[in-house]
Amino acid sequence: MNTLTGPTTLYCFSIAGEGGTDVRASRHWLDAKHLQSRRACIDDSYEHVDLAPRVSMMPGRIRTELQIAEQETAT
């Protein structure tokens, strides 16, 4: 959570692999729920701001896989 100039903001991000399907094109029920939640909770009129993460709740195994993928991409 970050405080910009008022309310505390909770934000999230997603990770998609190369060639992944856009969530809006997915027919999976979980993706539909994600989009429903996003429409209910996200104010698209709010100006985009890049924030620095202060806490990561990413599981260790996923963090490790991302580090491996980053190293493979760098070589």
C-alpha atoms as a PDB file:
ATOM      1  CA  MET A   1       0.000   0.000   0.000  1.00  0.00           C
ATOM      2  CA  ASN A   2       1.171   3.482  -0.800  1.00  0.00           C
ATOM      3  CA  THR A   3      -0.158   6.883   0.144  1.00  0.00           C
ATOM      4  CA  LEU A   4       0.056   9.325  -2.735  1.00  0.00           C
ATOM      5  CA  THR A   5      -1.864  12.444  -1.801  1.00  0.00           C
ATOM      6  CA  GLY A   6      -4.742  11.152   0.215  1.00  0.00           C
ATOM      7  CA  PRO A   7      -6.174   7.679   0.623  1.00  0.00           C
ATOM      8  CA  THR A   8      -4.039   4.599   1.033  1.00  0.00           C
ATOM      9  CA  THR A   9      -3.899   2.623  -2.201  1.00  0.00           C
ATOM     10  CA  LEU A  10      -3.711  -1.135  -2.578  1.00  0.00           C
ATOM     11  CA  TYR A  11      -2.445  -2.208  -5.960  1.00  0.00           C
ATOM     12  CA  CYS A  12      -1.592  -5.420  -7.739  1.00  0.00           C
ATOM     13  CA  PHE A  13       0.104  -6.543 -10.898  1.00  0.00           C
ATOM     14  CA  SER A  14       0.018  -9.574 -13.123  1.00  0.00           C
ATOM     15  CA  ILE A  15       2.676 -11.626 -14.827  1.00  0.00           C
ATOM     16  CA  ALA A  16       2.078 -13.175 -18.230  1.00  0.00           C
ATOM     17  CA  GLY A  17       4.380 -15.287 -20.311  1.00  0.00           C
ATOM     18  CA  GLU A  18       5.243 -14.607 -23.928  1.00  0.00           C
ATOM     19  CA  GLY A  19       2.414 -15.414 -26.293  1.00  0.00           C
ATOM     20  CA  GLY A  20      -0.106 -15.522 -23.460  1.00  0.00           C
ATOM     21  CA  THR A  21      -3.802 -15.007 -24.103  1.00  0.00           C
ATOM     22  CA  ASP A  22      -5.309 -11.673 -23.150  1.00  0.00           C
ATOM     23  CA  VAL A  23      -7.521 -12.195 -20.098  1.00  0.00           C
ATOM     24  CA  ARG A  24     -10.380 -10.462 -21.931  1.00  0.00           C
ATOM     25  CA  ALA A  25     -10.307 -13.229 -24.563  1.00  0.00           C
ATOM     26  CA  SER A  26     -10.295 -16.050 -22.008  1.00  0.00           C
ATOM     27  CA  ARG A  27     -13.349 -18.218 -21.407  1.00  0.00           C
ATOM     28  CA  HIS A  28     -12.087 -19.555 -18.074  1.00  0.00           C
ATOM     29  CA  TRP A  29     -14.435 -18.857 -15.140  1.00  0.00           C
ATOM     30  CA  LEU A  30     -11.601 -17.538 -12.963  1.00  0.00           C
ATOM     31  CA  ASP A  31     -10.625 -14.963 -15.573  1.00  0.00           C
ATOM     32  CA  ALA A  32     -14.275 -13.882 -15.835  1.00  0.00           C
ATOM     33  CA  LYS A  33     -14.375 -13.388 -12.031  1.00  0.00           C
ATOM     34  CA  HIS A  34     -11.119 -11.421 -12.189  1.00  0.00           C
ATOM     35  CA  LEU A  35     -12.568  -9.076 -14.813  1.00  0.00           C
ATOM     36  CA  GLN A  36     -15.806  -8.712 -12.843  1.00  0.00           C
ATOM     37  CA  SER A  37     -13.833  -7.763  -9.732  1.00  0.00           C
ATOM     38  CA  ARG A  38     -11.647  -5.370 -11.682  1.00  0.00           C
ATOM     39  CA  ARG A  39     -14.676  -3.568 -13.139  1.00  0.00           C
ATOM     40  CA  ALA A  40     -16.143  -3.231  -9.633  1.00  0.00           C
ATOM     41  CA  CYS A  41     -12.962  -2.078  -7.884  1.00  0.00           C
ATOM     42  CA  ILE A  42     -10.693  -0.247 -10.315  1.00  0.00           C
ATOM     43  CA  ASP A  43     -11.254   3.393 -11.186  1.00  0.00           C
ATOM     44  CA  ASP A  44      -9.907   3.697 -14.745  1.00  0.00           C
ATOM     45  CA  SER A  45     -10.224   7.492 -14.594  1.00  0.00           C
ATOM     46  CA  TYR A  46      -7.496   7.604 -11.927  1.00  0.00           C
ATOM     47  CA  GLU A  47      -4.136   8.687 -13.326  1.00  0.00           C
ATOM     48  CA  HIS A  48      -1.616   5.851 -13.774  1.00  0.00           C
ATOM     49  CA  VAL A  49       1.321   6.064 -11.369  1.00  0.00           C
ATOM     50  CA  ASP A  50       4.291   3.683 -11.181  1.00  0.00           C
ATOM     51  CA  LEU A  51       4.775   2.834  -7.519  1.00  0.00           C
ATOM     52  CA  ALA A  52       7.719   1.064  -5.920  1.00  0.00           C
ATOM     53  CA  PRO A  53       6.667  -2.115  -4.106  1.00  0.00           C
ATOM     54  CA  ARG A  54       7.336  -2.135  -0.377  1.00  0.00           C
ATOM     55  CA  VAL A  55       6.073  -5.634   0.362  1.00  0.00           C
ATOM     56  CA  SER A  56       5.921  -8.671  -1.897  1.00  0.00           C
ATOM     57  CA  MET A  57       3.688 -11.584  -1.003  1.00  0.00           C
ATOM     58  CA  MET A  58       4.844 -13.600  -4.004  1.00  0.00           C
ATOM     59  CA  PRO A  59       5.448 -17.258  -3.125  1.00  0.00           C
ATOM     60  CA  GLY A  60       9.136 -18.197  -3.087  1.00  0.00           C
ATOM     61  CA  ARG A  61       8.770 -20.788  -5.844  1.00  0.00           C
ATOM     62  CA  ILE A  62       7.330 -18.199  -8.215  1.00  0.00           C
ATOM     63  CA  ARG A  63      10.010 -15.659  -7.317  1.00  0.00           C
ATOM     64  CA  THR A  64      12.651 -18.317  -8.051  1.00  0.00           C
ATOM     65  CA  GLU A  65      11.100 -19.146 -11.434  1.00  0.00           C
ATOM     66  CA  LEU A  66      11.019 -15.464 -12.362  1.00  0.00           C
ATOM     67  CA  GLN A  67      14.678 -15.083 -11.422  1.00  0.00           C
ATOM     68  CA  ILE A  68      15.581 -18.101 -13.556  1.00  0.00           C
ATOM     69  CA  ALA A  69      13.596 -16.735 -16.503  1.00  0.00           C
ATOM     70  CA  GLU A  70      15.258 -13.338 -16.113  1.00  0.00           C
ATOM     71  CA  GLN A  71      18.720 -14.943 -16.163  1.00  0.00           C
ATOM     72  CA  GLU A  72      17.834 -16.987 -19.264  1.00  0.00           C
ATOM     73  CA  THR A  73      16.604 -13.855 -21.031  1.00  0.00           C
ATOM     74  CA  ALA A  74      19.781 -11.948 -20.143  1.00  0.00           C
ATOM     75  CA  THR A  75      22.036 -14.561 -21.769  1.00  0.00           C
END
